[in-house]
Amino acid sequence: MPRPPRTPQQASERNAQRWNDRQRARLPLFMDAGLEGDLIRTGVLRDRCPDHQVRLNEDLRARLGALDAAAAVRGEQFRRAMKSHCPETYPAALRQLRRLRALAPSLRRAIHTSDHWLTALRRALPEGALLIILDEIWPEHAQTLRQLADIDARIQRKTALGQANPWHPVD
């Protein structure tokens, strides 16, 4: 009969114990000399708490939940922007999203929906109009796109001047 699967708490305790044992095995001379306490005090040797993995998973779950909530809000804003600014391409994008969700249920997450509507907007609108919409919905992303466009323009200008490597000026 197979062994029942470990609970998350049991797995965390086992992994912490294995990690602590590996840390001690790295320094056998110090351990044999009884200097374990000194190593812990100086920070050379650190013990991992038994609930370390459980705490990390809870923290990760909370952070992913917050990201999903933000993506859901942005996704709905992108969808509305698509519907108002591109009414002719909106039905095709909606059909494509439904088809993708039917093919791959993992694409039903809010982050994927948000990415789909942002990509549809990017394909349907010129860059200037897209940046105006992004300024309202997601200003950080709009700023990133502007910075990338500026870097690309600088590279193209320097390359047009005959400079082979745009990051290394020619004398």
Protein backbone atom coordinates (compact mmCIF):
# COMPACT_ATOMS: atom_id res chain seq x y z
CA MET A 1 0.00 0.00 0.00
CA PRO A 2 1.48 3.37 -0.98
CA ARG A 3 2.40 5.84 1.70
CA PRO A 4 -0.09 8.71 2.06
CA PRO A 5 1.20 12.01 0.63
CA ARG A 6 2.88 14.42 3.01
CA THR A 7 0.95 17.40 4.26
CA PRO A 8 2.45 20.80 3.41
CA GLN A 9 3.56 21.17 7.04
CA GLN A 10 5.32 17.77 7.00
CA ALA A 11 7.02 18.58 3.69
CA SER A 12 8.15 21.94 5.02
CA GLU A 13 9.61 20.38 8.18
CA ARG A 14 11.40 17.69 6.16
CA ASN A 15 12.83 20.19 3.67
CA ALA A 16 13.98 22.52 6.46
CA GLN A 17 15.69 19.63 8.24
CA ARG A 18 17.42 18.52 5.03
CA TRP A 19 18.54 22.11 4.31
CA ASN A 20 19.90 22.52 7.85
CA ASP A 21 21.75 19.18 7.57
CA ARG A 22 23.29 20.22 4.22
CA GLN A 23 24.46 23.51 5.75
CA ARG A 24 26.16 21.68 8.60
CA ALA A 25 27.70 19.10 6.24
CA ARG A 26 29.46 21.94 4.40
CA LEU A 27 31.49 22.76 7.53
CA PRO A 28 32.48 19.41 9.10
CA LEU A 29 35.64 20.67 10.82
CA PHE A 30 33.75 23.43 12.62
CA MET A 31 30.99 21.03 13.65
CA ASP A 32 33.50 18.49 15.00
CA ALA A 33 35.26 21.24 16.96
CA GLY A 34 31.99 22.25 18.63
CA LEU A 35 31.89 25.70 17.02
CA GLU A 36 28.30 25.40 15.81
CA GLY A 37 27.06 28.07 18.24
CA ASP A 38 29.76 30.53 17.11
CA LEU A 39 28.87 29.96 13.46
CA ILE A 40 25.20 30.60 14.16
CA ARG A 41 25.98 33.77 16.14
CA THR A 42 28.21 35.19 13.40
CA GLY A 43 25.65 34.39 10.71
CA VAL A 44 27.83 31.93 8.79
CA LEU A 45 25.39 29.14 9.60
CA ARG A 46 21.68 29.83 9.47
CA ASP A 47 18.90 27.50 10.51
CA ARG A 48 15.75 27.37 8.45
CA CYS A 49 12.52 27.35 10.48
CA PRO A 50 10.37 24.21 10.11
CA ASP A 51 7.46 26.26 8.73
CA HIS A 52 9.67 28.18 6.26
CA GLN A 53 8.19 26.62 3.11
CA VAL A 54 4.60 26.96 4.35
CA ARG A 55 5.15 30.66 5.08
CA LEU A 56 6.73 31.22 1.66
CA ASN A 57 3.81 29.50 -0.06
CA GLU A 58 1.27 31.57 1.87
CA ASP A 59 3.14 34.77 0.99
CA LEU A 60 3.35 33.75 -2.67
CA ARG A 61 -0.35 32.90 -2.74
CA ALA A 62 -1.22 36.31 -1.27
CA ARG A 63 1.01 38.14 -3.76
CA LEU A 64 -0.37 36.19 -6.72
CA GLY A 65 -3.90 36.94 -5.51
CA ALA A 66 -3.12 40.66 -5.45
CA LEU A 67 -1.60 40.47 -8.95
CA ASP A 68 -4.64 38.59 -10.24
CA ALA A 69 -6.98 41.19 -8.75
CA ALA A 70 -5.02 44.04 -10.37
CA ALA A 71 -4.93 42.16 -13.69
CA ALA A 72 -8.70 41.60 -13.55
CA VAL A 73 -9.30 45.34 -13.12
CA ARG A 74 -6.85 46.24 -15.91
CA GLY A 75 -8.25 43.54 -18.18
CA GLU A 76 -11.76 44.93 -17.85
CA GLN A 77 -10.46 48.45 -18.54
CA PHE A 78 -8.58 47.20 -21.63
CA ARG A 79 -11.73 45.41 -22.84
CA ARG A 80 -13.82 48.57 -22.45
CA ALA A 81 -11.16 50.64 -24.23
CA MET A 82 -11.10 48.11 -27.05
CA LYS A 83 -14.88 48.19 -27.32
CA SER A 84 -15.03 51.99 -27.44
CA HIS A 85 -11.92 52.77 -29.56
CA CYS A 86 -11.99 49.79 -31.95
CA PRO A 87 -15.62 48.69 -32.37
CA GLU A 88 -14.84 47.08 -35.72
CA THR A 89 -12.14 44.71 -34.38
CA TYR A 90 -13.69 44.10 -30.94
CA PRO A 91 -15.98 41.18 -32.00
CA ALA A 92 -13.08 39.29 -33.62
CA ALA A 93 -10.91 39.76 -30.52
CA LEU A 94 -13.75 38.56 -28.30
CA ARG A 95 -14.24 35.46 -30.47
CA GLN A 96 -10.52 34.77 -30.36
CA LEU A 97 -10.48 35.04 -26.55
CA ARG A 98 -13.42 32.64 -26.25
CA ARG A 99 -11.74 30.19 -28.64
CA LEU A 100 -8.47 30.33 -26.68
CA ARG A 101 -10.29 29.76 -23.40
CA ALA A 102 -12.10 26.76 -24.88
CA LEU A 103 -8.82 25.26 -26.12
CA ALA A 104 -6.80 25.96 -22.96
CA PRO A 105 -8.71 26.40 -19.69
CA SER A 106 -5.52 27.74 -18.05
CA LEU A 107 -6.00 30.89 -20.14
CA ARG A 108 -9.05 31.81 -18.08
CA ARG A 109 -6.87 33.48 -15.46
CA ALA A 110 -7.20 37.25 -15.20
CA ILE A 111 -3.58 37.89 -16.19
CA HIS A 112 -4.07 36.09 -19.52
CA THR A 113 -7.31 37.94 -20.22
CA SER A 114 -5.60 41.26 -19.51
CA ASP A 115 -2.71 40.33 -21.81
CA HIS A 116 -5.13 39.32 -24.56
CA TRP A 117 -6.98 42.66 -24.51
CA LEU A 118 -3.72 44.64 -24.31
CA THR A 119 -2.36 42.74 -27.32
CA ALA A 120 -5.60 43.32 -29.24
CA LEU A 121 -5.38 47.05 -28.47
CA ARG A 122 -1.72 47.11 -29.52
CA ARG A 123 -2.56 45.47 -32.85
CA ALA A 124 -5.59 47.66 -33.57
CA LEU A 125 -4.34 51.12 -32.59
CA PRO A 126 -1.39 53.24 -33.70
CA GLU A 127 1.29 53.68 -31.05
CA GLY A 128 0.31 57.25 -30.11
CA ALA A 129 -3.33 56.36 -29.47
CA LEU A 130 -2.28 53.27 -27.52
CA LEU A 131 -0.02 55.32 -25.25
CA ILE A 132 -2.85 57.78 -24.52
CA ILE A 133 -5.11 54.89 -23.46
CA LEU A 134 -2.32 53.26 -21.45
CA ASP A 135 -1.68 56.55 -19.64
CA GLU A 136 -5.19 56.32 -18.24
CA ILE A 137 -5.22 52.59 -17.47
CA TRP A 138 -1.61 51.57 -16.71
CA PRO A 139 0.75 54.60 -16.53
CA GLU A 140 3.82 52.54 -15.51
CA HIS A 141 3.58 50.39 -18.63
CA ALA A 142 3.09 53.46 -20.83
CA GLN A 143 6.25 54.98 -19.37
CA THR A 144 8.18 51.75 -20.01
CA LEU A 145 7.02 51.70 -23.64
CA ARG A 146 8.09 55.33 -24.08
CA GLN A 147 11.54 54.59 -22.67
CA LEU A 148 11.96 51.57 -24.95
CA ALA A 149 10.87 53.61 -27.97
CA ASP A 150 13.41 56.31 -27.03
CA ILE A 151 16.21 53.74 -26.75
CA ASP A 152 15.25 52.23 -30.12
CA ALA A 153 15.22 55.68 -31.74
CA ARG A 154 18.69 56.45 -30.34
CA ILE A 155 20.06 53.16 -31.66
CA GLN A 156 18.57 53.79 -35.10
CA ARG A 157 20.00 57.34 -35.21
CA LYS A 158 23.48 56.17 -34.25
CA THR A 159 23.35 53.25 -36.67
CA ALA A 160 22.23 55.60 -39.45
CA LEU A 161 25.31 57.73 -38.75
CA GLY A 162 27.47 54.71 -39.55
CA GLN A 163 28.29 53.65 -36.03
CA ALA A 164 28.54 49.85 -35.87
CA ASN A 165 28.04 49.54 -32.11
CA PRO A 166 25.63 52.23 -30.86
CA TRP A 167 26.81 51.78 -27.25
CA HIS A 168 30.47 52.42 -28.10
CA PRO A 169 31.07 55.86 -29.65
CA VAL A 170 33.47 56.09 -32.57
CA ASP A 171 36.26 58.69 -32.35
